[in-house]
Amino acid sequence: MFSDAHFNLKRFEFNQTGARVWEMLDDARTVGEIVDDLQREYPEIPKDTIATAVVSFISDLEQQWLAVSQERLREYE
Protein backbone atom coordinates (compact mmCIF):
# COMPACT_ATOMS: atom_id res chain seq x y z
CA MET A 1 0.00 0.00 0.00
CA PHE A 2 1.28 3.46 -0.86
CA SER A 3 -0.65 6.43 0.40
CA ASP A 4 -0.30 9.75 2.19
CA ALA A 5 -3.37 11.77 3.15
CA HIS A 6 -1.34 14.96 3.66
CA PHE A 7 -0.34 15.09 0.01
CA ASN A 8 -3.62 13.79 -1.43
CA LEU A 9 -1.85 10.90 -3.15
CA LYS A 10 -3.51 7.84 -4.61
CA ARG A 11 -3.62 4.64 -2.65
CA PHE A 12 -2.00 1.62 -4.26
CA GLU A 13 -2.40 -1.92 -3.04
CA PHE A 14 -0.47 -4.82 -4.51
CA ASN A 15 -1.37 -8.47 -4.45
CA GLN A 16 1.20 -10.88 -3.00
CA THR A 17 3.08 -11.24 -6.29
CA GLY A 18 3.02 -7.50 -6.96
CA ALA A 19 4.37 -6.84 -3.48
CA ARG A 20 7.16 -9.38 -4.11
CA VAL A 21 8.13 -7.70 -7.40
CA TRP A 22 8.08 -4.31 -5.64
CA GLU A 23 10.52 -5.67 -3.05
CA MET A 24 12.78 -7.05 -5.77
CA LEU A 25 12.88 -3.70 -7.56
CA ASP A 26 14.32 -2.18 -4.40
CA ASP A 27 17.31 -4.52 -4.73
CA ALA A 28 18.21 -3.00 -8.13
CA ARG A 29 17.69 -6.30 -9.95
CA THR A 30 17.16 -6.46 -13.68
CA VAL A 31 13.81 -7.57 -15.06
CA GLY A 32 15.45 -10.82 -16.14
CA GLU A 33 16.74 -11.46 -12.63
CA ILE A 34 13.30 -10.78 -11.16
CA VAL A 35 11.72 -13.21 -13.61
CA ASP A 36 14.33 -15.86 -12.83
CA ASP A 37 13.84 -15.42 -9.08
CA LEU A 38 10.06 -15.67 -9.39
CA GLN A 39 10.44 -18.75 -11.58
CA ARG A 40 12.36 -20.40 -8.76
CA GLU A 41 9.69 -19.34 -6.24
CA TYR A 42 6.80 -20.44 -8.48
CA PRO A 43 8.13 -23.34 -10.58
CA GLU A 44 4.60 -24.38 -11.56
CA ILE A 45 4.08 -21.15 -13.55
CA PRO A 46 5.61 -20.98 -17.05
CA LYS A 47 8.50 -18.55 -17.31
CA ASP A 48 6.95 -16.66 -20.23
CA THR A 49 3.79 -16.09 -18.15
CA ILE A 50 5.88 -14.70 -15.31
CA ALA A 51 7.87 -12.49 -17.70
CA THR A 52 4.72 -11.05 -19.25
CA ALA A 53 3.22 -10.33 -15.83
CA VAL A 54 6.40 -8.72 -14.49
CA VAL A 55 6.86 -6.47 -17.53
CA SER A 56 3.20 -5.44 -17.38
CA PHE A 57 3.40 -4.73 -13.65
CA ILE A 58 6.56 -2.65 -14.01
CA SER A 59 5.02 -0.77 -16.93
CA ASP A 60 2.01 0.05 -14.75
CA LEU A 61 4.34 1.28 -12.00
CA GLU A 62 6.17 3.51 -14.48
CA GLN A 63 2.91 4.95 -15.79
CA GLN A 64 2.02 5.95 -12.23
CA TRP A 65 5.57 7.27 -11.61
CA LEU A 66 6.08 4.72 -8.81
CA ALA A 67 9.11 3.29 -10.59
CA VAL A 68 11.50 4.73 -13.14
CA SER A 69 13.84 2.71 -15.34
CA GLN A 70 17.54 3.49 -15.56
CA GLU A 71 17.02 4.32 -19.24
CA ARG A 72 14.40 6.92 -18.42
CA LEU A 73 16.59 8.40 -15.69
CA ARG A 74 19.38 8.87 -18.24
CA GLU A 75 17.01 10.98 -20.34
CA TYR A 76 17.02 13.59 -17.54
CA GLU A 77 20.79 13.78 -17.11
PDB file of N, CA and C in Angstrom:
ATOM      1  N   MET A   1       0.843  -1.169   0.000  1.00  0.00           N
ATOM      2  CA  MET A   1       0.000   0.000   0.000  1.00  0.00           C
ATOM      3  C   MET A   1       0.890   1.233   0.000  1.00  0.00           C
ATOM      4  N   PHE A   2       0.516   2.224  -0.770  1.00  0.00           N
ATOM      5  CA  PHE A   2       1.276   3.457  -0.864  1.00  0.00           C
ATOM      6  C   PHE A   2       0.277   4.602  -0.810  1.00  0.00           C
ATOM      7  N   SER A   3       0.346   5.387   0.237  1.00  0.00           N
ATOM      8  CA  SER A   3      -0.647   6.435   0.402  1.00  0.00           C
ATOM      9  C   SER A   3      -0.143   7.474   1.390  1.00  0.00           C
ATOM     10  N   ASP A   4      -0.595   8.705   1.231  1.00  0.00           N
ATOM     11  CA  ASP A   4      -0.300   9.750   2.191  1.00  0.00           C
ATOM     12  C   ASP A   4      -1.401  10.791   2.120  1.00  0.00           C
ATOM     13  N   ALA A   5      -2.220  10.864   3.139  1.00  0.00           N
ATOM     14  CA  ALA A   5      -3.369  11.772   3.145  1.00  0.00           C
ATOM     15  C   ALA A   5      -2.951  13.238   3.098  1.00  0.00           C
ATOM     16  N   HIS A   6      -1.776  13.574   3.618  1.00  0.00           N
ATOM     17  CA  HIS A   6      -1.336  14.964   3.656  1.00  0.00           C
ATOM     18  C   HIS A   6      -1.032  15.520   2.268  1.00  0.00           C
ATOM     19  N   PHE A   7      -0.682  14.646   1.346  1.00  0.00           N
ATOM     20  CA  PHE A   7      -0.340  15.092   0.006  1.00  0.00           C
ATOM     21  C   PHE A   7      -1.401  14.722  -1.009  1.00  0.00           C
ATOM     22  N   ASN A   8      -2.512  14.165  -0.554  1.00  0.00           N
ATOM     23  CA  ASN A   8      -3.618  13.789  -1.427  1.00  0.00           C
ATOM     24  C   ASN A   8      -3.159  12.854  -2.545  1.00  0.00           C
ATOM     25  N   LEU A   9      -2.344  11.867  -2.185  1.00  0.00           N
ATOM     26  CA  LEU A   9      -1.850  10.900  -3.145  1.00  0.00           C
ATOM     27  C   LEU A   9      -2.829   9.744  -3.290  1.00  0.00           C
ATOM     28  N   LYS A  10      -2.694   9.033  -4.388  1.00  0.00           N
ATOM     29  CA  LYS A  10      -3.509   7.843  -4.613  1.00  0.00           C
ATOM     30  C   LYS A  10      -3.040   6.718  -3.706  1.00  0.00           C
ATOM     31  N   ARG A  11      -3.945   5.829  -3.435  1.00  0.00           N
ATOM     32  CA  ARG A  11      -3.618   4.644  -2.647  1.00  0.00           C
ATOM     33  C   ARG A  11      -3.412   3.480  -3.606  1.00  0.00           C
ATOM     34  N   PHE A  12      -2.306   2.780  -3.431  1.00  0.00           N
ATOM     35  CA  PHE A  12      -2.000   1.623  -4.256  1.00  0.00           C
ATOM     36  C   PHE A  12      -1.874   0.403  -3.364  1.00  0.00           C
ATOM     37  N   GLU A  13      -2.525  -0.654  -3.752  1.00  0.00           N
ATOM     38  CA  GLU A  13      -2.399  -1.916  -3.039  1.00  0.00           C
ATOM     39  C   GLU A  13      -1.961  -2.967  -4.047  1.00  0.00           C
ATOM     40  N   PHE A  14      -0.986  -3.770  -3.644  1.00  0.00           N
ATOM     41  CA  PHE A  14      -0.469  -4.822  -4.508  1.00  0.00           C
ATOM     42  C   PHE A  14      -0.907  -6.171  -3.978  1.00  0.00           C
ATOM     43  N   ASN A  15      -1.135  -7.097  -4.894  1.00  0.00           N
ATOM     44  CA  ASN A  15      -1.367  -8.470  -4.446  1.00  0.00           C
ATOM     45  C   ASN A  15      -0.015  -9.036  -4.001  1.00  0.00           C
ATOM     46  N   GLN A  16      -0.017 -10.281  -3.552  1.00  0.00           N
ATOM     47  CA  GLN A  16       1.201 -10.878  -3.003  1.00  0.00           C
ATOM     48  C   GLN A  16       2.348 -10.875  -4.019  1.00  0.00           C
ATOM     49  N   THR A  17       2.033 -11.214  -5.260  1.00  0.00           N
ATOM     50  CA  THR A  17       3.080 -11.242  -6.285  1.00  0.00           C
ATOM     51  C   THR A  17       3.563  -9.831  -6.605  1.00  0.00           C
ATOM     52  N   GLY A  18       2.636  -8.888  -6.715  1.00  0.00           N
ATOM     53  CA  GLY A  18       3.022  -7.502  -6.961  1.00  0.00           C
ATOM     54  C   GLY A  18       3.908  -6.954  -5.853  1.00  0.00           C
ATOM     55  N   ALA A  19       3.561  -7.283  -4.625  1.00  0.00           N
ATOM     56  CA  ALA A  19       4.371  -6.840  -3.484  1.00  0.00           C
ATOM     57  C   ALA A  19       5.770  -7.456  -3.550  1.00  0.00           C
ATOM     58  N   ARG A  20       5.841  -8.708  -3.997  1.00  0.00           N
ATOM     59  CA  ARG A  20       7.156  -9.375  -4.112  1.00  0.00           C
ATOM     60  C   ARG A  20       8.006  -8.703  -5.189  1.00  0.00           C
ATOM     61  N   VAL A  21       7.399  -8.388  -6.328  1.00  0.00           N
ATOM     62  CA  VAL A  21       8.134  -7.703  -7.399  1.00  0.00           C
ATOM     63  C   VAL A  21       8.595  -6.331  -6.905  1.00  0.00           C
ATOM     64  N   TRP A  22       7.730  -5.630  -6.198  1.00  0.00           N
ATOM     65  CA  TRP A  22       8.077  -4.309  -5.644  1.00  0.00           C
ATOM     66  C   TRP A  22       9.317  -4.423  -4.761  1.00  0.00           C
ATOM     67  N   GLU A  23       9.356  -5.444  -3.900  1.00  0.00           N
ATOM     68  CA  GLU A  23      10.521  -5.669  -3.049  1.00  0.00           C
ATOM     69  C   GLU A  23      11.772  -5.931  -3.877  1.00  0.00           C
ATOM     70  N   MET A  24      11.628  -6.711  -4.926  1.00  0.00           N
ATOM     71  CA  MET A  24      12.780  -7.046  -5.767  1.00  0.00           C
ATOM     72  C   MET A  24      13.305  -5.825  -6.515  1.00  0.00           C
ATOM     73  N   LEU A  25      12.434  -4.916  -6.882  1.00  0.00           N
ATOM     74  CA  LEU A  25      12.882  -3.697  -7.557  1.00  0.00           C
ATOM     75  C   LEU A  25      13.775  -2.877  -6.645  1.00  0.00           C
ATOM     76  N   ASP A  26      13.525  -2.927  -5.363  1.00  0.00           N
ATOM     77  CA  ASP A  26      14.322  -2.182  -4.400  1.00  0.00           C
ATOM     78  C   ASP A  26      15.754  -2.694  -4.327  1.00  0.00           C
ATOM     79  N   ASP A  27      15.967  -3.933  -4.741  1.00  0.00           N
ATOM     80  CA  ASP A  27      17.309  -4.521  -4.731  1.00  0.00           C
ATOM     81  C   ASP A  27      18.083  -4.248  -6.014  1.00  0.00           C
ATOM     82  N   ALA A  28      17.561  -3.388  -6.878  1.00  0.00           N
ATOM     83  CA  ALA A  28      18.215  -3.003  -8.129  1.00  0.00           C
ATOM     84  C   ALA A  28      18.486  -4.199  -9.037  1.00  0.00           C
ATOM     85  N   ARG A  29      17.568  -5.147  -9.058  1.00  0.00           N
ATOM     86  CA  ARG A  29      17.690  -6.304  -9.950  1.00  0.00           C
ATOM     87  C   ARG A  29      17.190  -5.932 -11.332  1.00  0.00           C
ATOM     88  N   THR A  30      17.679  -6.640 -12.327  1.00  0.00           N
ATOM     89  CA  THR A  30      17.160  -6.458 -13.678  1.00  0.00           C
ATOM     90  C   THR A  30      15.826  -7.188 -13.788  1.00  0.00           C
ATOM     91  N   VAL A  31      15.085  -6.876 -14.827  1.00  0.00           N
ATOM     92  CA  VAL A  31      13.811  -7.566 -15.059  1.00  0.00           C
ATOM     93  C   VAL A  31      14.071  -9.063 -15.227  1.00  0.00           C
ATOM     94  N   GLY A  32      15.112  -9.418 -15.951  1.00  0.00           N
ATOM     95  CA  GLY A  32      15.446 -10.825 -16.144  1.00  0.00           C
ATOM     96  C   GLY A  32      15.743 -11.537 -14.834  1.00  0.00           C
ATOM     97  N   GLU A  33      16.442 -10.863 -13.935  1.00  0.00           N
ATOM     98  CA  GLU A  33      16.737 -11.457 -12.632  1.00  0.00           C
ATOM     99  C   GLU A  33      15.468 -11.636 -11.802  1.00  0.00           C
ATOM    100  N   ILE A  34      14.573 -10.668 -11.878  1.00  0.00           N
ATOM    101  CA  ILE A  34      13.303 -10.777 -11.159  1.00  0.00           C
ATOM    102  C   ILE A  34      12.506 -11.961 -11.688  1.00  0.00           C
ATOM    103  N   VAL A  35      12.448 -12.090 -13.010  1.00  0.00           N
ATOM    104  CA  VAL A  35      11.725 -13.213 -13.615  1.00  0.00           C
ATOM    105  C   VAL A  35      12.345 -14.537 -13.189  1.00  0.00           C
ATOM    106  N   ASP A  36      13.652 -14.629 -13.233  1.00  0.00           N
ATOM    107  CA  ASP A  36      14.332 -15.863 -12.827  1.00  0.00           C
ATOM    108  C   ASP A  36      14.052 -16.201 -11.362  1.00  0.00           C
ATOM    109  N   ASP A  37      14.103 -15.189 -10.501  1.00  0.00           N
ATOM    110  CA  ASP A  37      13.843 -15.418  -9.080  1.00  0.00           C
ATOM    111  C   ASP A  37      12.403 -15.880  -8.852  1.00  0.00           C
ATOM    112  N   LEU A  38      11.459 -15.254  -9.538  1.00  0.00           N
ATOM    113  CA  LEU A  38      10.060 -15.668  -9.395  1.00  0.00           C
ATOM    114  C   LEU A  38       9.836 -17.067  -9.958  1.00  0.00           C
ATOM    115  N   GLN A  39      10.556 -17.402 -11.011  1.00  0.00           N
ATOM    116  CA  GLN A  39      10.441 -18.751 -11.584  1.00  0.00           C
ATOM    117  C   GLN A  39      10.881 -19.792 -10.562  1.00  0.00           C
ATOM    118  N   ARG A  40      11.919 -19.476  -9.819  1.00  0.00           N
ATOM    119  CA  ARG A  40      12.362 -20.397  -8.762  1.00  0.00           C
ATOM    120  C   ARG A  40      11.341 -20.481  -7.624  1.00  0.00           C
ATOM    121  N   GLU A  41      10.686 -19.363  -7.314  1.00  0.00           N
ATOM    122  CA  GLU A  41       9.695 -19.345  -6.242  1.00  0.00           C
ATOM    123  C   GLU A  41       8.377 -20.005  -6.671  1.00  0.00           C
ATOM    124  N   TYR A  42       8.051 -19.894  -7.951  1.00  0.00           N
ATOM    125  CA  TYR A  42       6.795 -20.440  -8.481  1.00  0.00           C
ATOM    126  C   TYR A  42       7.087 -21.338  -9.686  1.00  0.00           C
ATOM    127  N   PRO A  43       7.716 -22.478  -9.465  1.00  0.00           N
ATOM    128  CA  PRO A  43       8.130 -23.335 -10.583  1.00  0.00           C
ATOM    129  C   PRO A  43       6.952 -23.885 -11.402  1.00  0.00           C
ATOM    130  N   GLU A  44       5.768 -23.860 -10.846  1.00  0.00           N
ATOM    131  CA  GLU A  44       4.600 -24.379 -11.563  1.00  0.00           C
ATOM    132  C   GLU A  44       4.065 -23.399 -12.615  1.00  0.00           C
ATOM    133  N   ILE A  45       4.532 -22.158 -12.586  1.00  0.00           N
ATOM    134  CA  ILE A  45       4.078 -21.153 -13.550  1.00  0.00           C
ATOM    135  C   ILE A  45       5.115 -21.033 -14.662  1.00  0.00           C
ATOM    136  N   PRO A  46       4.664 -21.101 -15.928  1.00  0.00           N
ATOM    137  CA  PRO A  46       5.610 -20.980 -17.053  1.00  0.00           C
ATOM    138  C   PRO A  46       6.377 -19.655 -17.012  1.00  0.00           C
ATOM    139  N   LYS A  47       7.653 -19.731 -17.362  1.00  0.00           N
ATOM    140  CA  LYS A  47       8.505 -18.552 -17.307  1.00  0.00           C
ATOM    141  C   LYS A  47       7.983 -17.416 -18.188  1.00  0.00           C
ATOM    142  N   ASP A  48       7.448 -17.726 -19.362  1.00  0.00           N
ATOM    143  CA  ASP A  48       6.948 -16.657 -20.228  1.00  0.00           C
ATOM    144  C   ASP A  48       5.734 -15.963 -19.618  1.00  0.00           C
ATOM    145  N   THR A  49       4.933 -16.694 -18.844  1.00  0.00           N
ATOM    146  CA  THR A  49       3.785 -16.090 -18.153  1.00  0.00           C
ATOM    147  C   THR A  49       4.281 -15.134 -17.077  1.00  0.00           C
ATOM    148  N   ILE A  50       5.295 -15.554 -16.346  1.00  0.00           N
ATOM    149  CA  ILE A  50       5.884 -14.697 -15.312  1.00  0.00           C
ATOM    150  C   ILE A  50       6.485 -13.447 -15.948  1.00  0.00           C
ATOM    151  N   ALA A  51       7.229 -13.623 -17.032  1.00  0.00           N
ATOM    152  CA  ALA A  51       7.874 -12.488 -17.696  1.00  0.00           C
ATOM    153  C   ALA A  51       6.846 -11.471 -18.166  1.00  0.00           C
ATOM    154  N   THR A  52       5.773 -11.948 -18.771  1.00  0.00           N
ATOM    155  CA  THR A  52       4.720 -11.046 -19.249  1.00  0.00           C
ATOM    156  C   THR A  52       4.101 -10.271 -18.092  1.00  0.00           C
ATOM    157  N   ALA A  53       3.826 -10.973 -16.993  1.00  0.00           N
ATOM    158  CA  ALA A  53       3.218 -10.328 -15.829  1.00  0.00           C
ATOM    159  C   ALA A  53       4.154  -9.300 -15.200  1.00  0.00           C
ATOM    160  N   VAL A  54       5.432  -9.640 -15.094  1.00  0.00           N
ATOM    161  CA  VAL A  54       6.404  -8.724 -14.485  1.00  0.00           C
ATOM    162  C   VAL A  54       6.557  -7.470 -15.341  1.00  0.00           C
ATOM    163  N   VAL A  55       6.709  -7.633 -16.642  1.00  0.00           N
ATOM    164  CA  VAL A  55       6.861  -6.472 -17.531  1.00  0.00           C
ATOM    165  C   VAL A  55       5.615  -5.595 -17.480  1.00  0.00           C
ATOM    166  N   SER A  56       4.445  -6.202 -17.469  1.00  0.00           N
ATOM    167  CA  SER A  56       3.196  -5.442 -17.381  1.00  0.00           C
ATOM    168  C   SER A  56       3.104  -4.689 -16.063  1.00  0.00           C
ATOM    169  N   PHE A  57       3.453  -5.364 -14.967  1.00  0.00           N
ATOM    170  CA  PHE A  57       3.400  -4.735 -13.648  1.00  0.00           C
ATOM    171  C   PHE A  57       4.356  -3.545 -13.577  1.00  0.00           C
ATOM    172  N   ILE A  58       5.579  -3.731 -14.045  1.00  0.00           N
ATOM    173  CA  ILE A  58       6.562  -2.646 -14.011  1.00  0.00           C
ATOM    174  C   ILE A  58       6.117  -1.493 -14.903  1.00  0.00           C
ATOM    175  N   SER A  59       5.545  -1.806 -16.043  1.00  0.00           N
ATOM    176  CA  SER A  59       5.019  -0.767 -16.928  1.00  0.00           C
ATOM    177  C   SER A  59       3.933   0.040 -16.229  1.00  0.00           C
ATOM    178  N   ASP A  60       3.056  -0.649 -15.509  1.00  0.00           N
ATOM    179  CA  ASP A  60       2.013   0.053 -14.751  1.00  0.00           C
ATOM    180  C   ASP A  60       2.628   0.958 -13.683  1.00  0.00           C
ATOM    181  N   LEU A  61       3.655   0.464 -13.002  1.00  0.00           N
ATOM    182  CA  LEU A  61       4.340   1.277 -11.998  1.00  0.00           C
ATOM    183  C   LEU A  61       4.944   2.528 -12.634  1.00  0.00           C
ATOM    184  N   GLU A  62       5.557   2.362 -13.795  1.00  0.00           N
ATOM    185  CA  GLU A  62       6.168   3.507 -14.482  1.00  0.00           C
ATOM    186  C   GLU A  62       5.116   4.517 -14.920  1.00  0.00           C
ATOM    187  N   GLN A  63       3.975   4.041 -15.374  1.00  0.00           N
ATOM    188  CA  GLN A  63       2.907   4.952 -15.790  1.00  0.00           C
ATOM    189  C   GLN A  63       2.393   5.791 -14.622  1.00  0.00           C
ATOM    190  N   GLN A  64       2.450   5.230 -13.424  1.00  0.00           N
ATOM    191  CA  GLN A  64       2.016   5.947 -12.228  1.00  0.00           C
ATOM    192  C   GLN A  64       3.175   6.680 -11.543  1.00  0.00           C
ATOM    193  N   TRP A  65       4.356   6.645 -12.139  1.00  0.00           N
ATOM    194  CA  TRP A  65       5.573   7.266 -11.607  1.00  0.00           C
ATOM    195  C   TRP A  65       5.959   6.691 -10.246  1.00  0.00           C
ATOM    196  N   LEU A  66       5.663   5.406 -10.038  1.00  0.00           N
ATOM    197  CA  LEU A  66       6.077   4.723  -8.813  1.00  0.00           C
ATOM    198  C   LEU A  66       7.413   4.024  -9.008  1.00  0.00           C
ATOM    199  N   ALA A  67       7.829   3.889 -10.237  1.00  0.00           N
ATOM    200  CA  ALA A  67       9.113   3.293 -10.585  1.00  0.00           C
ATOM    201  C   ALA A  67       9.600   3.977 -11.852  1.00  0.00           C
ATOM    202  N   VAL A  68      10.907   4.105 -11.956  1.00  0.00           N
ATOM    203  CA  VAL A  68      11.503   4.725 -13.141  1.00  0.00           C
ATOM    204  C   VAL A  68      12.688   3.869 -13.556  1.00  0.00           C
ATOM    205  N   SER A  69      12.739   3.533 -14.838  1.00  0.00           N
ATOM    206  CA  SER A  69      13.835   2.712 -15.341  1.00  0.00           C
ATOM    207  C   SER A  69      15.120   3.532 -15.421  1.00  0.00           C
ATOM    208  N   GLN A  70      16.244   2.827 -15.417  1.00  0.00           N
ATOM    209  CA  GLN A  70      17.538   3.492 -15.561  1.00  0.00           C
ATOM    210  C   GLN A  70      17.609   4.240 -16.889  1.00  0.00           C
ATOM    211  N   GLU A  71      17.011   3.657 -17.933  1.00  0.00           N
ATOM    212  CA  GLU A  71      17.024   4.315 -19.245  1.00  0.00           C
ATOM    213  C   GLU A  71      16.291   5.652 -19.188  1.00  0.00           C
ATOM    214  N   ARG A  72      15.147   5.682 -18.516  1.00  0.00           N
ATOM    215  CA  ARG A  72      14.396   6.924 -18.417  1.00  0.00           C
ATOM    216  C   ARG A  72      15.152   7.941 -17.565  1.00  0.00           C
ATOM    217  N   LEU A  73      15.817   7.491 -16.509  1.00  0.00           N
ATOM    218  CA  LEU A  73      16.595   8.401 -15.693  1.00  0.00           C
ATOM    219  C   LEU A  73      17.696   9.075 -16.505  1.00  0.00           C
ATOM    220  N   ARG A  74      18.314   8.312 -17.400  1.00  0.00           N
ATOM    221  CA  ARG A  74      19.384   8.866 -18.241  1.00  0.00           C
ATOM    222  C   ARG A  74      18.868   9.984 -19.149  1.00  0.00           C
ATOM    223  N   GLU A  75      17.583   9.931 -19.496  1.00  0.00           N
ATOM    224  CA  GLU A  75      17.006  10.983 -20.340  1.00  0.00           C
ATOM    225  C   GLU A  75      17.033  12.338 -19.635  1.00  0.00           C
ATOM    226  N   TYR A  76      17.075  12.336 -18.311  1.00  0.00           N
ATOM    227  CA  TYR A  76      17.024  13.590 -17.542  1.00  0.00           C
ATOM    228  C   TYR A  76      18.390  14.065 -17.101  1.00  0.00           C
ATOM    229  N   GLU A  77      19.435  13.362 -17.493  1.00  0.00           N
ATOM    230  CA  GLU A  77      20.793  13.775 -17.110  1.00  0.00           C
ATOM    231  C   GLU A  77      21.250  14.955 -17.929  1.00  0.00           C
TER     232      GLU A  77
END
